[in-house]
N, C-alpha and C. Protein backbone atom coordinates (compact mmCIF):
# COMPACT_ATOMS: atom_id res chain seq x y z
N TYR A 1 39.06 26.26 10.61
CA TYR A 1 39.73 26.88 9.47
C TYR A 1 38.79 27.09 8.24
N ILE A 2 37.84 25.99 8.11
CA ILE A 2 36.89 26.01 7.04
C ILE A 2 35.92 27.17 7.26
N THR A 3 35.48 27.25 8.54
CA THR A 3 34.60 28.33 8.83
C THR A 3 35.14 29.70 8.52
N ASN A 4 36.39 29.96 8.85
CA ASN A 4 36.93 31.26 8.62
C ASN A 4 37.12 31.55 7.14
N ASN A 5 37.39 30.56 6.33
CA ASN A 5 37.36 30.69 4.84
C ASN A 5 36.06 31.07 4.31
N LEU A 6 35.02 30.35 4.86
CA LEU A 6 33.66 30.67 4.33
C LEU A 6 33.28 32.10 4.83
N ARG A 7 33.64 32.51 6.00
CA ARG A 7 33.38 33.91 6.45
C ARG A 7 34.07 34.92 5.48
N MET A 8 35.34 34.58 5.29
CA MET A 8 36.03 35.63 4.45
C MET A 8 35.55 35.60 2.97
N GLU A 9 35.13 34.42 2.48
CA GLU A 9 34.45 34.38 1.18
C GLU A 9 33.16 35.16 1.19
N SER A 10 32.44 35.04 2.27
CA SER A 10 31.21 35.82 2.34
C SER A 10 31.33 37.35 2.30
N VAL A 11 32.41 37.83 3.06
CA VAL A 11 32.78 39.11 3.15
C VAL A 11 33.18 39.57 1.78
N ARG A 12 34.07 38.89 1.09
CA ARG A 12 34.44 39.22 -0.22
C ARG A 12 33.26 39.37 -1.17
N ALA A 13 32.42 38.34 -1.09
CA ALA A 13 31.29 38.35 -1.97
C ALA A 13 30.36 39.56 -1.70
N ALA A 14 30.21 39.89 -0.40
CA ALA A 14 29.37 41.06 -0.10
C ALA A 14 29.97 42.34 -0.65
N PHE A 15 31.32 42.50 -0.50
CA PHE A 15 31.96 43.66 -1.10
C PHE A 15 31.90 43.74 -2.71
N ARG A 16 31.90 42.56 -3.36
CA ARG A 16 31.74 42.46 -4.71
C ARG A 16 30.35 42.77 -5.13
N GLY A 17 29.43 42.47 -4.29
CA GLY A 17 27.97 42.57 -4.63
C GLY A 17 27.45 41.23 -5.23
N ASP A 18 28.17 40.14 -4.97
CA ASP A 18 27.84 38.94 -5.60
C ASP A 18 26.71 38.22 -4.74
N ASP A 19 26.64 38.64 -3.58
CA ASP A 19 25.92 37.89 -2.60
C ASP A 19 24.51 38.60 -2.30
N ASP A 20 23.45 37.88 -2.15
CA ASP A 20 22.24 38.40 -1.83
C ASP A 20 22.19 39.00 -0.35
N GLU A 21 23.03 38.37 0.54
CA GLU A 21 23.01 38.78 1.88
C GLU A 21 24.06 39.92 2.01
N SER A 22 23.72 41.03 2.56
CA SER A 22 24.63 42.16 2.71
C SER A 22 25.65 41.80 3.81
N LEU A 23 26.67 42.56 3.89
CA LEU A 23 27.70 42.38 4.94
C LEU A 23 27.10 42.64 6.27
N LEU A 24 26.30 43.53 6.48
CA LEU A 24 25.64 43.82 7.78
C LEU A 24 24.74 42.71 8.17
N ASP A 25 23.99 42.19 7.31
CA ASP A 25 23.11 41.08 7.59
C ASP A 25 23.89 39.85 8.04
N GLY A 26 25.07 39.73 7.48
CA GLY A 26 25.94 38.52 7.77
C GLY A 26 26.55 38.64 9.21
N VAL A 27 26.54 39.80 9.77
CA VAL A 27 27.07 40.04 11.15
C VAL A 27 26.21 39.20 12.14
N ASP A 28 24.88 39.21 11.88
CA ASP A 28 24.01 38.40 12.79
C ASP A 28 24.29 36.90 12.71
N ASN A 29 24.65 36.48 11.46
CA ASN A 29 24.86 35.05 11.28
C ASN A 29 26.13 34.54 11.78
N TYR A 30 27.09 35.44 12.04
CA TYR A 30 28.46 34.96 12.39
C TYR A 30 28.75 35.23 13.85
N CYS A 31 27.79 35.66 14.60
CA CYS A 31 28.05 35.80 16.02
C CYS A 31 28.08 34.40 16.69
N SER A 32 29.24 34.19 17.28
CA SER A 32 29.43 32.84 17.91
C SER A 32 29.30 32.85 19.43
N LEU A 33 28.71 33.89 20.04
CA LEU A 33 28.54 33.93 21.43
C LEU A 33 27.34 33.06 21.79
N SER A 34 27.56 32.35 22.88
CA SER A 34 26.45 31.51 23.43
C SER A 34 25.38 32.38 23.98
N TRP A 35 24.21 31.85 24.21
CA TRP A 35 23.21 32.68 24.81
C TRP A 35 23.52 33.21 26.15
N GLU A 36 24.20 32.49 26.92
CA GLU A 36 24.69 32.87 28.31
C GLU A 36 25.71 34.05 28.08
N ASN A 37 26.50 34.04 27.20
CA ASN A 37 27.49 35.12 26.98
C ASN A 37 26.87 36.30 26.43
N ARG A 38 25.79 36.15 25.54
CA ARG A 38 24.99 37.29 25.10
C ARG A 38 24.37 37.99 26.20
N LEU A 39 23.74 37.20 27.23
CA LEU A 39 23.03 37.82 28.36
C LEU A 39 24.12 38.60 29.20
N TYR A 40 25.33 38.00 29.39
CA TYR A 40 26.41 38.70 30.08
C TYR A 40 26.66 40.03 29.42
N ALA A 41 26.94 39.99 28.14
CA ALA A 41 27.28 41.16 27.41
C ALA A 41 26.17 42.21 27.52
N PHE A 42 24.94 41.75 27.38
CA PHE A 42 23.83 42.67 27.49
C PHE A 42 23.77 43.28 28.92
N GLY A 43 23.88 42.48 29.95
CA GLY A 43 23.89 42.97 31.32
C GLY A 43 24.99 43.96 31.54
N ALA A 44 26.17 43.63 30.98
CA ALA A 44 27.36 44.48 31.20
C ALA A 44 27.11 45.90 30.55
N CYS A 45 26.61 45.88 29.28
CA CYS A 45 26.31 47.15 28.61
C CYS A 45 25.17 47.91 29.34
N PHE A 46 24.16 47.24 29.79
CA PHE A 46 23.10 47.85 30.48
C PHE A 46 23.62 48.49 31.81
N ALA A 47 24.46 47.79 32.56
CA ALA A 47 24.98 48.25 33.78
C ALA A 47 25.84 49.42 33.66
N ILE A 48 26.72 49.36 32.54
CA ILE A 48 27.61 50.49 32.22
C ILE A 48 26.70 51.72 31.82
N GLY A 49 25.70 51.50 31.05
CA GLY A 49 24.81 52.57 30.67
C GLY A 49 24.15 53.27 31.85
N ILE A 50 23.74 52.45 32.83
CA ILE A 50 23.06 52.99 33.95
C ILE A 50 24.06 53.90 34.70
N PHE A 51 25.29 53.16 34.92
CA PHE A 51 26.34 53.93 35.64
C PHE A 51 26.66 55.27 35.02
N LEU A 52 26.79 55.23 33.71
CA LEU A 52 27.26 56.48 33.05
C LEU A 52 26.05 57.52 33.15
N SER A 53 24.76 57.11 33.10
CA SER A 53 23.74 57.98 33.22
C SER A 53 23.66 58.58 34.57
N ILE A 54 23.84 57.74 35.66
CA ILE A 54 23.72 58.18 37.07
C ILE A 54 24.83 59.14 37.30
N PHE A 55 26.11 58.81 36.83
CA PHE A 55 27.19 59.71 37.01
C PHE A 55 26.93 61.04 36.34
N GLY A 56 26.41 61.04 35.09
CA GLY A 56 26.09 62.26 34.42
C GLY A 56 25.11 62.98 35.19
N THR A 57 24.05 62.37 35.76
CA THR A 57 22.99 63.16 36.43
C THR A 57 23.66 63.80 37.63
N ILE A 58 24.62 63.20 38.36
CA ILE A 58 25.29 63.84 39.46
C ILE A 58 25.96 65.20 39.03
N GLU A 59 26.29 65.32 37.82
CA GLU A 59 26.94 66.48 37.34
C GLU A 59 26.05 67.59 37.25
N ILE A 60 24.80 67.42 37.30
CA ILE A 60 23.83 68.53 37.40
C ILE A 60 24.03 69.33 38.64
N PHE A 61 24.30 68.75 39.72
CA PHE A 61 24.47 69.37 41.00
C PHE A 61 25.83 70.27 41.01
N PHE A 62 26.61 69.97 40.11
CA PHE A 62 27.87 70.82 39.92
C PHE A 62 27.71 71.89 38.77
N ALA A 63 26.54 71.91 38.21
CA ALA A 63 26.27 72.88 37.12
C ALA A 63 27.15 72.53 35.97
N ASN A 64 27.63 71.30 35.77
CA ASN A 64 28.47 70.88 34.61
C ASN A 64 27.43 70.24 33.65
N TYR A 65 26.75 71.07 32.88
CA TYR A 65 25.77 70.53 31.91
C TYR A 65 26.35 69.86 30.73
N THR A 66 27.56 70.25 30.32
CA THR A 66 28.11 69.55 29.18
C THR A 66 28.44 68.10 29.52
N THR A 67 29.09 67.92 30.64
CA THR A 67 29.35 66.52 31.11
C THR A 67 28.08 65.77 31.35
N PHE A 68 27.16 66.44 31.96
CA PHE A 68 25.89 65.76 32.20
C PHE A 68 25.24 65.27 30.80
N ALA A 69 25.18 66.15 29.87
CA ALA A 69 24.51 65.78 28.68
C ALA A 69 25.24 64.62 27.99
N LEU A 70 26.58 64.72 27.92
CA LEU A 70 27.42 63.69 27.23
C LEU A 70 27.28 62.32 27.92
N LEU A 71 27.48 62.36 29.29
CA LEU A 71 27.45 61.12 29.96
C LEU A 71 26.11 60.47 29.96
N TYR A 72 25.04 61.26 30.25
CA TYR A 72 23.75 60.71 30.26
C TYR A 72 23.35 60.10 28.90
N SER A 73 23.63 60.80 27.81
CA SER A 73 23.34 60.30 26.49
C SER A 73 24.17 59.14 26.14
N LEU A 74 25.35 59.21 26.50
CA LEU A 74 26.33 57.94 26.27
C LEU A 74 25.78 56.76 26.95
N GLY A 75 25.32 57.00 28.21
CA GLY A 75 24.79 55.90 28.99
C GLY A 75 23.46 55.39 28.33
N THR A 76 22.61 56.13 27.72
CA THR A 76 21.42 55.60 27.05
C THR A 76 21.91 54.84 25.83
N ILE A 77 22.89 55.32 25.05
CA ILE A 77 23.42 54.76 23.84
C ILE A 77 23.98 53.36 24.20
N VAL A 78 24.83 53.33 25.26
CA VAL A 78 25.36 52.03 25.55
C VAL A 78 24.39 50.97 25.99
N ALA A 79 23.42 51.46 26.86
CA ALA A 79 22.40 50.55 27.22
C ALA A 79 21.55 49.99 26.10
N LEU A 80 21.24 50.92 25.11
CA LEU A 80 20.56 50.57 23.94
C LEU A 80 21.31 49.61 23.00
N ALA A 81 22.70 49.87 22.94
CA ALA A 81 23.52 49.07 22.13
C ALA A 81 23.60 47.63 22.68
N GLY A 82 23.45 47.49 23.99
CA GLY A 82 23.57 46.20 24.65
C GLY A 82 22.41 45.25 24.15
N THR A 83 21.33 45.86 23.72
CA THR A 83 20.33 45.02 23.22
C THR A 83 20.69 44.19 21.91
N CYS A 84 21.67 44.75 21.21
CA CYS A 84 22.10 44.13 20.03
C CYS A 84 22.70 42.70 20.26
N PHE A 85 23.17 42.53 21.51
CA PHE A 85 23.75 41.18 21.88
C PHE A 85 22.59 40.16 21.92
N LEU A 86 21.43 40.62 22.25
CA LEU A 86 20.33 39.68 22.41
C LEU A 86 19.76 39.15 21.03
N ARG A 87 19.62 40.03 20.14
CA ARG A 87 19.07 39.58 18.87
C ARG A 87 20.00 39.61 17.68
N GLY A 88 21.11 40.32 17.84
CA GLY A 88 22.03 40.55 16.83
C GLY A 88 21.78 41.98 16.26
N PRO A 89 22.85 42.55 15.81
CA PRO A 89 22.69 44.01 15.51
C PRO A 89 21.62 44.36 14.44
N MET A 90 21.71 43.64 13.32
CA MET A 90 20.80 44.03 12.16
C MET A 90 19.39 43.65 12.58
N SER A 91 19.12 42.59 13.29
CA SER A 91 17.67 42.27 13.67
C SER A 91 17.29 43.28 14.66
N GLN A 92 18.15 43.76 15.62
CA GLN A 92 17.71 44.75 16.60
C GLN A 92 17.37 46.07 15.89
N ILE A 93 18.20 46.47 14.93
CA ILE A 93 17.91 47.79 14.24
C ILE A 93 16.65 47.65 13.41
N GLN A 94 16.35 46.49 12.89
CA GLN A 94 15.07 46.44 12.13
C GLN A 94 13.89 46.40 13.17
N LYS A 95 14.01 45.76 14.32
CA LYS A 95 12.96 45.77 15.23
C LYS A 95 12.75 47.14 15.82
N MET A 96 13.85 47.96 15.90
CA MET A 96 13.68 49.28 16.48
C MET A 96 12.75 50.19 15.51
N PHE A 97 12.74 49.86 14.26
CA PHE A 97 12.00 50.72 13.31
C PHE A 97 10.72 50.01 12.79
N ASP A 98 10.30 48.94 13.52
CA ASP A 98 8.96 48.37 13.35
C ASP A 98 7.88 49.41 13.62
N LYS A 99 6.75 49.33 13.03
CA LYS A 99 5.72 50.26 13.12
C LYS A 99 5.30 50.54 14.59
N ASP A 100 5.41 49.50 15.49
CA ASP A 100 5.02 49.57 16.87
C ASP A 100 6.06 50.46 17.67
N ARG A 101 7.31 50.52 17.22
CA ARG A 101 8.34 51.16 17.89
C ARG A 101 8.84 52.45 17.23
N LEU A 102 8.39 52.65 16.04
CA LEU A 102 8.95 53.76 15.21
C LEU A 102 8.98 55.06 15.91
N ILE A 103 7.81 55.51 16.41
CA ILE A 103 7.70 56.79 17.05
C ILE A 103 8.62 56.87 18.26
N ALA A 104 8.64 55.89 19.15
CA ALA A 104 9.41 55.82 20.24
C ALA A 104 10.94 55.89 19.89
N THR A 105 11.25 55.17 18.89
CA THR A 105 12.70 55.13 18.48
C THR A 105 13.09 56.56 17.92
N ILE A 106 12.32 57.15 17.10
CA ILE A 106 12.60 58.51 16.56
C ILE A 106 12.73 59.50 17.70
N VAL A 107 11.74 59.48 18.58
CA VAL A 107 11.72 60.40 19.70
C VAL A 107 12.95 60.15 20.57
N LEU A 108 13.34 58.95 20.84
CA LEU A 108 14.52 58.56 21.53
C LEU A 108 15.84 59.16 20.90
N LEU A 109 15.92 58.81 19.64
CA LEU A 109 17.21 59.26 18.94
C LEU A 109 17.23 60.84 18.85
N VAL A 110 16.14 61.41 18.55
CA VAL A 110 16.08 62.88 18.49
C VAL A 110 16.43 63.47 19.83
N SER A 111 15.82 62.90 20.85
CA SER A 111 16.11 63.45 22.22
C SER A 111 17.58 63.31 22.70
N ILE A 112 18.14 62.20 22.27
CA ILE A 112 19.67 61.96 22.55
C ILE A 112 20.47 63.03 21.89
N ILE A 113 20.09 63.28 20.58
CA ILE A 113 20.96 64.42 19.91
C ILE A 113 20.57 65.73 20.54
N LEU A 114 19.37 66.10 20.84
CA LEU A 114 19.09 67.37 21.45
C LEU A 114 19.64 67.61 22.81
N THR A 115 19.69 66.41 23.55
CA THR A 115 20.36 66.58 24.90
C THR A 115 21.76 66.91 24.82
N ILE A 116 22.52 66.29 23.80
CA ILE A 116 23.92 66.67 23.57
C ILE A 116 24.06 68.06 22.94
N VAL A 117 23.22 68.53 22.05
CA VAL A 117 23.31 69.78 21.51
C VAL A 117 23.00 70.89 22.59
N CYS A 118 21.97 70.70 23.30
CA CYS A 118 21.66 71.72 24.42
C CYS A 118 22.64 71.77 25.47
N GLY A 119 23.20 70.62 25.84
CA GLY A 119 24.14 70.73 26.92
C GLY A 119 25.58 70.95 26.57
N ALA A 120 26.04 70.44 25.43
CA ALA A 120 27.38 70.60 25.07
C ALA A 120 27.76 71.57 24.17
N VAL A 121 26.73 71.94 23.23
CA VAL A 121 26.96 72.92 22.26
C VAL A 121 26.33 74.25 22.62
N LEU A 122 25.08 74.32 22.98
CA LEU A 122 24.43 75.48 23.39
C LEU A 122 24.65 75.83 24.85
N LYS A 123 25.05 74.88 25.61
CA LYS A 123 25.33 75.06 26.98
C LYS A 123 24.10 75.72 27.90
N ILE A 124 22.98 75.21 27.56
CA ILE A 124 21.68 75.73 28.14
C ILE A 124 21.22 74.58 28.99
N GLY A 125 21.55 74.65 30.26
CA GLY A 125 21.30 73.54 31.24
C GLY A 125 19.96 73.11 31.38
N ILE A 126 18.97 74.13 31.42
CA ILE A 126 17.55 73.66 31.69
C ILE A 126 16.97 72.95 30.46
N LEU A 127 17.43 73.42 29.23
CA LEU A 127 17.02 72.74 28.04
C LEU A 127 17.70 71.26 28.01
N ALA A 128 18.86 71.11 28.36
CA ALA A 128 19.49 69.87 28.39
C ALA A 128 18.74 68.91 29.37
N ILE A 129 18.27 69.39 30.48
CA ILE A 129 17.60 68.62 31.41
C ILE A 129 16.17 68.29 30.93
N MET A 130 15.53 69.17 30.22
CA MET A 130 14.26 68.89 29.66
C MET A 130 14.37 67.76 28.60
N CYS A 131 15.37 67.99 27.77
CA CYS A 131 15.65 66.89 26.70
C CYS A 131 15.98 65.57 27.29
N CYS A 132 16.68 65.58 28.40
CA CYS A 132 17.05 64.30 29.18
C CYS A 132 15.75 63.64 29.69
N ILE A 133 14.80 64.46 30.18
CA ILE A 133 13.60 63.90 30.66
C ILE A 133 12.83 63.24 29.55
N VAL A 134 12.71 63.84 28.39
CA VAL A 134 12.15 63.35 27.15
C VAL A 134 12.83 62.08 26.80
N GLN A 135 14.17 62.04 26.79
CA GLN A 135 15.00 60.93 26.55
C GLN A 135 14.66 59.80 27.44
N PHE A 136 14.56 60.00 28.82
CA PHE A 136 14.28 58.96 29.75
C PHE A 136 12.84 58.33 29.43
N LEU A 137 11.89 59.27 29.23
CA LEU A 137 10.55 58.82 28.95
C LEU A 137 10.49 58.00 27.63
N ALA A 138 11.17 58.48 26.59
CA ALA A 138 11.16 57.80 25.24
C ALA A 138 11.86 56.30 25.46
N PHE A 139 12.87 56.32 26.20
CA PHE A 139 13.68 55.04 26.42
C PHE A 139 12.73 54.06 27.14
N ALA A 140 12.04 54.54 28.18
CA ALA A 140 11.08 53.75 28.98
C ALA A 140 9.97 53.25 28.11
N TRP A 141 9.42 54.12 27.21
CA TRP A 141 8.33 53.74 26.32
C TRP A 141 8.79 52.68 25.29
N TYR A 142 10.00 52.97 24.79
CA TYR A 142 10.62 52.05 23.86
C TYR A 142 10.75 50.58 24.58
N THR A 143 11.31 50.57 25.75
CA THR A 143 11.59 49.41 26.46
C THR A 143 10.28 48.73 26.68
N LEU A 144 9.30 49.42 27.06
CA LEU A 144 7.95 48.72 27.30
C LEU A 144 7.33 48.05 26.04
N SER A 145 7.80 48.53 24.83
CA SER A 145 7.27 47.93 23.66
C SER A 145 7.71 46.46 23.50
N TYR A 146 8.70 46.03 24.22
CA TYR A 146 9.19 44.69 24.17
C TYR A 146 8.49 43.79 25.16
N ILE A 147 7.69 44.27 26.01
CA ILE A 147 6.97 43.56 27.03
C ILE A 147 5.56 43.49 26.66
N PRO A 148 5.00 42.29 26.46
CA PRO A 148 3.65 42.13 25.95
C PRO A 148 2.67 42.82 26.88
N TYR A 149 1.81 43.75 26.29
CA TYR A 149 0.72 44.42 26.95
C TYR A 149 1.15 45.48 28.03
N ALA A 150 2.47 45.72 28.10
CA ALA A 150 3.06 46.68 29.00
C ALA A 150 2.50 48.06 28.74
N ARG A 151 2.64 48.47 27.47
CA ARG A 151 2.09 49.81 27.05
C ARG A 151 0.67 49.95 27.33
N ASN A 152 -0.12 48.98 27.16
CA ASN A 152 -1.59 49.04 27.45
C ASN A 152 -1.79 49.20 28.97
N ALA A 153 -0.98 48.48 29.73
CA ALA A 153 -1.13 48.62 31.22
C ALA A 153 -0.79 50.06 31.65
N VAL A 154 0.27 50.64 31.11
CA VAL A 154 0.65 51.98 31.45
C VAL A 154 -0.49 53.01 31.03
N LYS A 155 -1.03 52.77 29.79
CA LYS A 155 -2.08 53.63 29.34
C LYS A 155 -3.32 53.65 30.25
N SER A 156 -3.65 52.38 30.67
CA SER A 156 -4.78 52.16 31.55
C SER A 156 -4.52 52.82 32.92
N CYS A 157 -3.35 52.64 33.44
CA CYS A 157 -2.90 53.25 34.73
C CYS A 157 -2.98 54.79 34.58
N PHE A 158 -2.47 55.27 33.46
CA PHE A 158 -2.48 56.79 33.37
C PHE A 158 -3.92 57.30 33.29
N SER A 159 -4.80 56.58 32.53
CA SER A 159 -6.24 57.04 32.44
C SER A 159 -6.97 56.80 33.79
N GLY A 160 -6.60 55.76 34.51
CA GLY A 160 -7.29 55.62 35.71
C GLY A 160 -6.80 56.70 36.78
N CYS A 161 -5.58 57.07 36.84
CA CYS A 161 -5.04 58.06 37.82
C CYS A 161 -5.45 59.48 37.45
N THR A 162 -5.54 59.72 36.17
CA THR A 162 -5.84 61.15 35.76
C THR A 162 -7.26 61.42 35.29
N GLY A 163 -7.91 60.30 34.96
CA GLY A 163 -9.24 60.51 34.39
C GLY A 163 -9.31 60.94 32.95
N MET A 164 -8.05 61.06 32.37
CA MET A 164 -7.96 61.47 30.98
C MET A 164 -7.51 60.32 30.06
N GLU A 165 -7.74 60.46 28.84
CA GLU A 165 -7.30 59.42 27.79
C GLU A 165 -5.78 59.62 27.67
N CYS A 166 -4.99 58.54 27.67
CA CYS A 166 -3.64 58.76 27.36
C CYS A 166 -3.40 59.17 25.90
N PRO A 167 -2.58 60.19 25.67
CA PRO A 167 -2.39 60.73 24.36
C PRO A 167 -1.49 59.90 23.50
N CYS A 168 -0.84 58.81 24.09
CA CYS A 168 0.17 58.15 23.35
C CYS A 168 -0.45 56.82 22.74
């Protein structure tokens, strides 16, 4: 009961502007999920995101580019949203826009929007597929940023296989 009163008072203070901590910052502090439950929630979101993306990809074979673009992009968004369970939403959003991830985050978000626009609004299938490929690569590059030295390993592998310097 006391915890709920403190939470409500914190929310009221945030709306009044009396508190240094914003309402959104407080979301991270009030998450009462255990670490195990956070992992389950992340895994569920990630699995649902993969399922949606695969189901959307199947729609390419039926030339249903609108459904493809929407499901694939929704799958990416759900998988990305699942990471909020691991760190907390505000912490995750702040980490997304760190200098190490900024370009990958922007490319990912723009490619999600472009995939939806090309597939659902413009209904140009080949452009939606190209944006989807960029979306996949950006999501992979973004994900690699959380694994120590993973990006360097990929760059070295690219350079070794092609004999060219990796442009990223």
